[in-house]
Amino acid sequence: MKLKPLADNIVLKSAVAEDTTASGIILATSNKEKSAIFEVASAGPEAKAVKVGDQVVVGQYAGTDMKLDGEDYKFVKEEDILAIVC
């Protein structure tokens, strides 16, 4: 299914979190915090600061979470995006 956001809404796809630390410790999935970094899956026609494929940082409680076709998505307004990962 394809999503086409309206206005300045942006659809974010969850970025894959690493399962091990830099020192090689394996992290349990139940102890992980939600990732703050997402990939822009789709952007509305009024979104000016981001484009599809950008990795962005959003607040932990920003937007609306949704599961669609087995994938986790987050819907946010452009103003909810804190930074673009360079």
PDB file of N, CA and C in Angstrom:
ATOM      1  N   MET A   1       0.841  -1.169   0.000  1.00  0.00           N
ATOM      2  CA  MET A   1       0.000   0.000   0.000  1.00  0.00           C
ATOM      3  C   MET A   1       0.890   1.237   0.000  1.00  0.00           C
ATOM      4  N   LYS A   2       0.485   2.236  -0.728  1.00  0.00           N
ATOM      5  CA  LYS A   2       1.258   3.463  -0.847  1.00  0.00           C
ATOM      6  C   LYS A   2       0.532   4.574  -0.107  1.00  0.00           C
ATOM      7  N   LEU A   3       1.283   5.378   0.630  1.00  0.00           N
ATOM      8  CA  LEU A   3       0.708   6.490   1.380  1.00  0.00           C
ATOM      9  C   LEU A   3       1.136   7.808   0.752  1.00  0.00           C
ATOM     10  N   LYS A   4       0.175   8.700   0.560  1.00  0.00           N
ATOM     11  CA  LYS A   4       0.462  10.022   0.009  1.00  0.00           C
ATOM     12  C   LYS A   4      -0.018  11.053   1.031  1.00  0.00           C
ATOM     13  N   PRO A   5       0.908  11.627   1.820  1.00  0.00           N
ATOM     14  CA  PRO A   5       0.503  12.605   2.829  1.00  0.00           C
ATOM     15  C   PRO A   5       0.061  13.921   2.203  1.00  0.00           C
ATOM     16  N   LEU A   6      -0.790  14.634   2.914  1.00  0.00           N
ATOM     17  CA  LEU A   6      -1.302  15.910   2.454  1.00  0.00           C
ATOM     18  C   LEU A   6      -0.604  17.051   3.184  1.00  0.00           C
ATOM     19  N   ALA A   7      -0.642  18.234   2.620  1.00  0.00           N
ATOM     20  CA  ALA A   7      -0.094  19.469   3.199  1.00  0.00           C
ATOM     21  C   ALA A   7       1.363  19.275   3.606  1.00  0.00           C
ATOM     22  N   ASP A   8       1.713  19.603   4.860  1.00  0.00           N
ATOM     23  CA  ASP A   8       3.103  19.470   5.317  1.00  0.00           C
ATOM     24  C   ASP A   8       3.296  18.233   6.188  1.00  0.00           C
ATOM     25  N   ASN A   9       2.420  17.248   6.032  1.00  0.00           N
ATOM     26  CA  ASN A   9       2.559  15.992   6.764  1.00  0.00           C
ATOM     27  C   ASN A   9       3.658  15.142   6.145  1.00  0.00           C
ATOM     28  N   ILE A  10       4.316  14.368   6.997  1.00  0.00           N
ATOM     29  CA  ILE A  10       5.432  13.533   6.561  1.00  0.00           C
ATOM     30  C   ILE A  10       5.250  12.133   7.135  1.00  0.00           C
ATOM     31  N   VAL A  11       5.485  11.122   6.309  1.00  0.00           N
ATOM     32  CA  VAL A  11       5.425   9.730   6.752  1.00  0.00           C
ATOM     33  C   VAL A  11       6.852   9.261   6.981  1.00  0.00           C
ATOM     34  N   LEU A  12       7.123   8.790   8.188  1.00  0.00           N
ATOM     35  CA  LEU A  12       8.449   8.318   8.559  1.00  0.00           C
ATOM     36  C   LEU A  12       8.431   6.815   8.750  1.00  0.00           C
ATOM     37  N   LYS A  13       9.491   6.168   8.293  1.00  0.00           N
ATOM     38  CA  LYS A  13       9.648   4.727   8.462  1.00  0.00           C
ATOM     39  C   LYS A  13      10.684   4.492   9.550  1.00  0.00           C
ATOM     40  N   SER A  14      10.409   3.556  10.425  1.00  0.00           N
ATOM     41  CA  SER A  14      11.335   3.267  11.522  1.00  0.00           C
ATOM     42  C   SER A  14      12.686   2.840  10.980  1.00  0.00           C
ATOM     43  N   ALA A  15      13.737   3.431  11.528  1.00  0.00           N
ATOM     44  CA  ALA A  15      15.098   3.022  11.179  1.00  0.00           C
ATOM     45  C   ALA A  15      15.424   1.767  11.979  1.00  0.00           C
ATOM     46  N   VAL A  16      16.229   0.884  11.433  1.00  0.00           N
ATOM     47  CA  VAL A  16      16.597  -0.350  12.113  1.00  0.00           C
ATOM     48  C   VAL A  16      17.611  -0.043  13.203  1.00  0.00           C
ATOM     49  N   ALA A  17      17.294  -0.425  14.419  1.00  0.00           N
ATOM     50  CA  ALA A  17      18.198  -0.203  15.548  1.00  0.00           C
ATOM     51  C   ALA A  17      19.246  -1.315  15.595  1.00  0.00           C
ATOM     52  N   GLU A  18      20.448  -0.964  16.044  1.00  0.00           N
ATOM     53  CA  GLU A  18      21.500  -1.964  16.165  1.00  0.00           C
ATOM     54  C   GLU A  18      21.212  -2.899  17.332  1.00  0.00           C
ATOM     55  N   ASP A  19      21.564  -4.183  17.175  1.00  0.00           N
ATOM     56  CA  ASP A  19      21.318  -5.170  18.211  1.00  0.00           C
ATOM     57  C   ASP A  19      22.494  -5.348  19.150  1.00  0.00           C
ATOM     58  N   THR A  20      23.636  -4.755  18.828  1.00  0.00           N
ATOM     59  CA  THR A  20      24.812  -4.877  19.680  1.00  0.00           C
ATOM     60  C   THR A  20      25.418  -3.499  19.922  1.00  0.00           C
ATOM     61  N   THR A  21      26.098  -3.372  21.043  1.00  0.00           N
ATOM     62  CA  THR A  21      26.794  -2.120  21.349  1.00  0.00           C
ATOM     63  C   THR A  21      28.144  -2.123  20.646  1.00  0.00           C
ATOM     64  N   ALA A  22      28.856  -1.023  20.741  1.00  0.00           N
ATOM     65  CA  ALA A  22      30.167  -0.920  20.107  1.00  0.00           C
ATOM     66  C   ALA A  22      31.148  -1.937  20.680  1.00  0.00           C
ATOM     67  N   SER A  23      30.968  -2.316  21.942  1.00  0.00           N
ATOM     68  CA  SER A  23      31.867  -3.287  22.571  1.00  0.00           C
ATOM     69  C   SER A  23      31.426  -4.732  22.338  1.00  0.00           C
ATOM     70  N   GLY A  24      30.309  -4.935  21.619  1.00  0.00           N
ATOM     71  CA  GLY A  24      29.881  -6.279  21.268  1.00  0.00           C
ATOM     72  C   GLY A  24      28.817  -6.874  22.170  1.00  0.00           C
ATOM     73  N   ILE A  25      28.268  -6.095  23.092  1.00  0.00           N
ATOM     74  CA  ILE A  25      27.223  -6.603  23.978  1.00  0.00           C
ATOM     75  C   ILE A  25      25.904  -6.655  23.212  1.00  0.00           C
ATOM     76  N   ILE A  26      25.234  -7.795  23.269  1.00  0.00           N
ATOM     77  CA  ILE A  26      23.959  -7.973  22.579  1.00  0.00           C
ATOM     78  C   ILE A  26      22.849  -7.383  23.443  1.00  0.00           C
ATOM     79  N   LEU A  27      22.018  -6.537  22.842  1.00  0.00           N
ATOM     80  CA  LEU A  27      20.933  -5.890  23.567  1.00  0.00           C
ATOM     81  C   LEU A  27      19.652  -6.712  23.455  1.00  0.00           C
ATOM     82  N   ALA A  28      18.953  -6.863  24.571  1.00  0.00           N
ATOM     83  CA  ALA A  28      17.666  -7.552  24.555  1.00  0.00           C
ATOM     84  C   ALA A  28      16.621  -6.628  23.937  1.00  0.00           C
ATOM     85  N   THR A  29      15.710  -7.180  23.155  1.00  0.00           N
ATOM     86  CA  THR A  29      14.716  -6.348  22.481  1.00  0.00           C
ATOM     87  C   THR A  29      13.740  -5.716  23.462  1.00  0.00           C
ATOM     88  N   SER A  30      13.489  -6.339  24.584  1.00  0.00           N
ATOM     89  CA  SER A  30      12.534  -5.780  25.543  1.00  0.00           C
ATOM     90  C   SER A  30      13.090  -4.565  26.268  1.00  0.00           C
ATOM     91  N   ASN A  31      14.402  -4.386  26.296  1.00  0.00           N
ATOM     92  CA  ASN A  31      15.005  -3.273  27.010  1.00  0.00           C
ATOM     93  C   ASN A  31      15.328  -2.083  26.114  1.00  0.00           C
ATOM     94  N   LYS A  32      15.076  -2.196  24.834  1.00  0.00           N
ATOM     95  CA  LYS A  32      15.406  -1.111  23.906  1.00  0.00           C
ATOM     96  C   LYS A  32      14.414   0.029  24.034  1.00  0.00           C
ATOM     97  N   GLU A  33      14.919   1.247  23.901  1.00  0.00           N
ATOM     98  CA  GLU A  33      14.057   2.413  23.824  1.00  0.00           C
ATOM     99  C   GLU A  33      13.670   2.614  22.366  1.00  0.00           C
ATOM    100  N   LYS A  34      12.583   3.323  22.146  1.00  0.00           N
ATOM    101  CA  LYS A  34      12.174   3.612  20.782  1.00  0.00           C
ATOM    102  C   LYS A  34      13.227   4.490  20.120  1.00  0.00           C
ATOM    103  N   SER A  35      13.493   4.208  18.876  1.00  0.00           N
ATOM    104  CA  SER A  35      14.475   4.990  18.129  1.00  0.00           C
ATOM    105  C   SER A  35      13.949   6.396  17.880  1.00  0.00           C
ATOM    106  N   ALA A  36      14.841   7.356  17.894  1.00  0.00           N
ATOM    107  CA  ALA A  36      14.473   8.741  17.599  1.00  0.00           C
ATOM    108  C   ALA A  36      14.826   9.097  16.161  1.00  0.00           C
ATOM    109  N   ILE A  37      15.507   8.186  15.450  1.00  0.00           N
ATOM    110  CA  ILE A  37      15.920   8.441  14.071  1.00  0.00           C
ATOM    111  C   ILE A  37      15.023   7.645  13.130  1.00  0.00           C
ATOM    112  N   PHE A  38      14.469   8.341  12.159  1.00  0.00           N
ATOM    113  CA  PHE A  38      13.568   7.740  11.183  1.00  0.00           C
ATOM    114  C   PHE A  38      13.991   8.141   9.782  1.00  0.00           C
ATOM    115  N   GLU A  39      13.523   7.374   8.806  1.00  0.00           N
ATOM    116  CA  GLU A  39      13.764   7.690   7.399  1.00  0.00           C
ATOM    117  C   GLU A  39      12.474   8.234   6.802  1.00  0.00           C
ATOM    118  N   VAL A  40      12.589   9.298   6.013  1.00  0.00           N
ATOM    119  CA  VAL A  40      11.417   9.886   5.382  1.00  0.00           C
ATOM    120  C   VAL A  40      10.959   8.960   4.257  1.00  0.00           C
ATOM    121  N   ALA A  41       9.747   8.406   4.406  1.00  0.00           N
ATOM    122  CA  ALA A  41       9.193   7.505   3.402  1.00  0.00           C
ATOM    123  C   ALA A  41       8.393   8.279   2.357  1.00  0.00           C
ATOM    124  N   SER A  42       7.737   9.354   2.794  1.00  0.00           N
ATOM    125  CA  SER A  42       6.930  10.155   1.893  1.00  0.00           C
ATOM    126  C   SER A  42       6.704  11.522   2.528  1.00  0.00           C
ATOM    127  N   ALA A  43       6.619  12.556   1.702  1.00  0.00           N
ATOM    128  CA  ALA A  43       6.410  13.911   2.211  1.00  0.00           C
ATOM    129  C   ALA A  43       5.314  14.593   1.403  1.00  0.00           C
ATOM    130  N   GLY A  44       4.506  15.379   2.108  1.00  0.00           N
ATOM    131  CA  GLY A  44       3.428  16.112   1.455  1.00  0.00           C
ATOM    132  C   GLY A  44       3.958  17.218   0.564  1.00  0.00           C
ATOM    133  N   PRO A  45       3.105  17.778  -0.278  1.00  0.00           N
ATOM    134  CA  PRO A  45       3.547  18.794  -1.240  1.00  0.00           C
ATOM    135  C   PRO A  45       4.019  20.103  -0.604  1.00  0.00           C
ATOM    136  N   GLU A  46       3.621  20.397   0.629  1.00  0.00           N
ATOM    137  CA  GLU A  46       4.028  21.634   1.284  1.00  0.00           C
ATOM    138  C   GLU A  46       5.269  21.467   2.159  1.00  0.00           C
ATOM    139  N   ALA A  47       5.813  20.253   2.263  1.00  0.00           N
ATOM    140  CA  ALA A  47       7.033  20.018   3.048  1.00  0.00           C
ATOM    141  C   ALA A  47       8.223  20.553   2.268  1.00  0.00           C
ATOM    142  N   LYS A  48       8.994  21.436   2.889  1.00  0.00           N
ATOM    143  CA  LYS A  48      10.099  22.092   2.184  1.00  0.00           C
ATOM    144  C   LYS A  48      11.481  21.690   2.696  1.00  0.00           C
ATOM    145  N   ALA A  49      11.589  21.297   3.959  1.00  0.00           N
ATOM    146  CA  ALA A  49      12.904  21.060   4.562  1.00  0.00           C
ATOM    147  C   ALA A  49      13.429  19.651   4.364  1.00  0.00           C
ATOM    148  N   VAL A  50      12.553  18.686   4.091  1.00  0.00           N
ATOM    149  CA  VAL A  50      12.993  17.295   3.967  1.00  0.00           C
ATOM    150  C   VAL A  50      12.536  16.700   2.642  1.00  0.00           C
ATOM    151  N   LYS A  51      13.225  15.636   2.241  1.00  0.00           N
ATOM    152  CA  LYS A  51      12.833  14.908   1.034  1.00  0.00           C
ATOM    153  C   LYS A  51      12.881  13.414   1.326  1.00  0.00           C
ATOM    154  N   VAL A  52      12.294  12.634   0.478  1.00  0.00           N
ATOM    155  CA  VAL A  52      12.258  11.185   0.648  1.00  0.00           C
ATOM    156  C   VAL A  52      13.677  10.641   0.722  1.00  0.00           C
ATOM    157  N   GLY A  53      13.924   9.781   1.705  1.00  0.00           N
ATOM    158  CA  GLY A  53      15.243   9.189   1.886  1.00  0.00           C
ATOM    159  C   GLY A  53      16.076   9.848   2.970  1.00  0.00           C
ATOM    160  N   ASP A  54      15.730  11.072   3.375  1.00  0.00           N
ATOM    161  CA  ASP A  54      16.453  11.738   4.459  1.00  0.00           C
ATOM    162  C   ASP A  54      16.258  10.986   5.771  1.00  0.00           C
ATOM    163  N   GLN A  55      17.287  10.987   6.609  1.00  0.00           N
ATOM    164  CA  GLN A  55      17.145  10.466   7.966  1.00  0.00           C
ATOM    165  C   GLN A  55      16.969  11.657   8.882  1.00  0.00           C
ATOM    166  N   VAL A  56      15.946  11.592   9.735  1.00  0.00           N
ATOM    167  CA  VAL A  56      15.597  12.722  10.587  1.00  0.00           C
ATOM    168  C   VAL A  56      15.444  12.281  12.035  1.00  0.00           C
ATOM    169  N   VAL A  57      15.535  13.266  12.942  1.00  0.00           N
ATOM    170  CA  VAL A  57      15.343  13.044  14.367  1.00  0.00           C
ATOM    171  C   VAL A  57      14.027  13.698  14.765  1.00  0.00           C
ATOM    172  N   VAL A  58      13.183  12.934  15.457  1.00  0.00           N
ATOM    173  CA  VAL A  58      11.922  13.476  15.970  1.00  0.00           C
ATOM    174  C   VAL A  58      11.831  13.187  17.463  1.00  0.00           C
ATOM    175  N   GLY A  59      10.997  13.942  18.150  1.00  0.00           N
ATOM    176  CA  GLY A  59      10.791  13.730  19.570  1.00  0.00           C
ATOM    177  C   GLY A  59      10.137  12.383  19.834  1.00  0.00           C
ATOM    178  N   GLN A  60      10.352  11.861  21.022  1.00  0.00           N
ATOM    179  CA  GLN A  60       9.856  10.530  21.377  1.00  0.00           C
ATOM    180  C   GLN A  60       8.337  10.434  21.290  1.00  0.00           C
ATOM    181  N   TYR A  61       7.636  11.486  21.652  1.00  0.00           N
ATOM    182  CA  TYR A  61       6.175  11.439  21.677  1.00  0.00           C
ATOM    183  C   TYR A  61       5.530  12.185  20.515  1.00  0.00           C
ATOM    184  N   ALA A  62       6.299  12.578  19.530  1.00  0.00           N
ATOM    185  CA  ALA A  62       5.772  13.323  18.386  1.00  0.00           C
ATOM    186  C   ALA A  62       5.036  12.394  17.430  1.00  0.00           C
ATOM    187  N   GLY A  63       4.018  12.913  16.804  1.00  0.00           N
ATOM    188  CA  GLY A  63       3.339  12.208  15.732  1.00  0.00           C
ATOM    189  C   GLY A  63       2.426  11.084  16.165  1.00  0.00           C
ATOM    190  N   THR A  64       1.951  10.354  15.168  1.00  0.00           N
ATOM    191  CA  THR A  64       1.034   9.238  15.351  1.00  0.00           C
ATOM    192  C   THR A  64       1.674   7.981  14.789  1.00  0.00           C
ATOM    193  N   ASP A  65       1.747   6.927  15.618  1.00  0.00           N
ATOM    194  CA  ASP A  65       2.321   5.661  15.187  1.00  0.00           C
ATOM    195  C   ASP A  65       1.267   4.812  14.492  1.00  0.00           C
ATOM    196  N   MET A  66       1.703   4.055  13.462  1.00  0.00           N
ATOM    197  CA  MET A  66       0.793   3.200  12.728  1.00  0.00           C
ATOM    198  C   MET A  66       1.562   2.017  12.160  1.00  0.00           C
ATOM    199  N   LYS A  67       0.942   0.854  12.151  1.00  0.00           N
ATOM    200  CA  LYS A  67       1.538  -0.332  11.544  1.00  0.00           C
ATOM    201  C   LYS A  67       0.739  -0.641  10.284  1.00  0.00           C
ATOM    202  N   LEU A  68       1.438  -0.749   9.154  1.00  0.00           N
ATOM    203  CA  LEU A  68       0.790  -0.966   7.874  1.00  0.00           C
ATOM    204  C   LEU A  68       1.612  -1.956   7.062  1.00  0.00           C
ATOM    205  N   ASP A  69       1.005  -3.029   6.630  1.00  0.00           N
ATOM    206  CA  ASP A  69       1.682  -4.078   5.863  1.00  0.00           C
ATOM    207  C   ASP A  69       2.924  -4.601   6.576  1.00  0.00           C
ATOM    208  N   GLY A  70       2.869  -4.725   7.900  1.00  0.00           N
ATOM    209  CA  GLY A  70       3.981  -5.267   8.672  1.00  0.00           C
ATOM    210  C   GLY A  70       5.104  -4.289   8.952  1.00  0.00           C
ATOM    211  N   GLU A  71       4.977  -3.057   8.509  1.00  0.00           N
ATOM    212  CA  GLU A  71       6.002  -2.022   8.732  1.00  0.00           C
ATOM    213  C   GLU A  71       5.471  -1.004   9.737  1.00  0.00           C
ATOM    214  N   ASP A  72       6.378  -0.447  10.553  1.00  0.00           N
ATOM    215  CA  ASP A  72       6.010   0.604  11.496  1.00  0.00           C
ATOM    216  C   ASP A  72       6.255   1.963  10.861  1.00  0.00           C
ATOM    217  N   TYR A  73       5.245   2.822  10.924  1.00  0.00           N
ATOM    218  CA  TYR A  73       5.335   4.175  10.385  1.00  0.00           C
ATOM    219  C   TYR A  73       4.957   5.181  11.459  1.00  0.00           C
ATOM    220  N   LYS A  74       5.426   6.414  11.291  1.00  0.00           N
ATOM    221  CA  LYS A  74       5.062   7.515  12.166  1.00  0.00           C
ATOM    222  C   LYS A  74       4.674   8.684  11.273  1.00  0.00           C
ATOM    223  N   PHE A  75       3.519   9.280  11.562  1.00  0.00           N
ATOM    224  CA  PHE A  75       3.045  10.437  10.824  1.00  0.00           C
ATOM    225  C   PHE A  75       3.310  11.683  11.660  1.00  0.00           C
ATOM    226  N   VAL A  76       4.040  12.648  11.099  1.00  0.00           N
ATOM    227  CA  VAL A  76       4.365  13.881  11.819  1.00  0.00           C
ATOM    228  C   VAL A  76       4.146  15.084  10.915  1.00  0.00           C
ATOM    229  N   LYS A  77       4.016  16.243  11.538  1.00  0.00           N
ATOM    230  CA  LYS A  77       4.036  17.512  10.817  1.00  0.00           C
ATOM    231  C   LYS A  77       5.495  17.888  10.615  1.00  0.00           C
ATOM    232  N   GLU A  78       5.782  18.680   9.609  1.00  0.00           N
ATOM    233  CA  GLU A  78       7.157  19.081   9.346  1.00  0.00           C
ATOM    234  C   GLU A  78       7.766  19.811  10.549  1.00  0.00           C
ATOM    235  N   GLU A  79       6.976  20.544  11.288  1.00  0.00           N
ATOM    236  CA  GLU A  79       7.479  21.291  12.448  1.00  0.00           C
ATOM    237  C   GLU A  79       7.902  20.374  13.608  1.00  0.00           C
ATOM    238  N   ASP A  80       7.477  19.093  13.589  1.00  0.00           N
ATOM    239  CA  ASP A  80       7.850  18.143  14.645  1.00  0.00           C
ATOM    240  C   ASP A  80       9.251  17.545  14.437  1.00  0.00           C
ATOM    241  N   ILE A  81       9.832  17.769  13.265  1.00  0.00           N
ATOM    242  CA  ILE A  81      11.166  17.239  12.971  1.00  0.00           C
ATOM    243  C   ILE A  81      12.203  18.162  13.608  1.00  0.00           C
ATOM    244  N   LEU A  82      13.073  17.570  14.433  1.00  0.00           N
ATOM    245  CA  LEU A  82      14.060  18.345  15.176  1.00  0.00           C
ATOM    246  C   LEU A  82      15.339  18.574  14.385  1.00  0.00           C
ATOM    247  N   ALA A  83      15.769  17.583  13.590  1.00  0.00           N
ATOM    248  CA  ALA A  83      17.035  17.698  12.846  1.00  0.00           C
ATOM    249  C   ALA A  83      17.072  16.697  11.703  1.00  0.00           C
ATOM    250  N   ILE A  84      17.932  16.991  10.737  1.00  0.00           N
ATOM    251  CA  ILE A  84      18.226  16.062   9.646  1.00  0.00           C
ATOM    252  C   ILE A  84      19.607  15.486   9.920  1.00  0.00           C
ATOM    253  N   VAL A  85      19.740  14.160   9.855  1.00  0.00           N
ATOM    254  CA  VAL A  85      21.026  13.505  10.104  1.00  0.00           C
ATOM    255  C   VAL A  85      21.881  13.636   8.855  1.00  0.00           C
ATOM    256  N   CYS A  86      23.084  14.195   9.013  1.00  0.00           N
ATOM    257  CA  CYS A  86      23.987  14.404   7.861  1.00  0.00           C
ATOM    258  C   CYS A  86      25.025  13.312   7.771  1.00  0.00           C
TER     259      CYS A  86
END
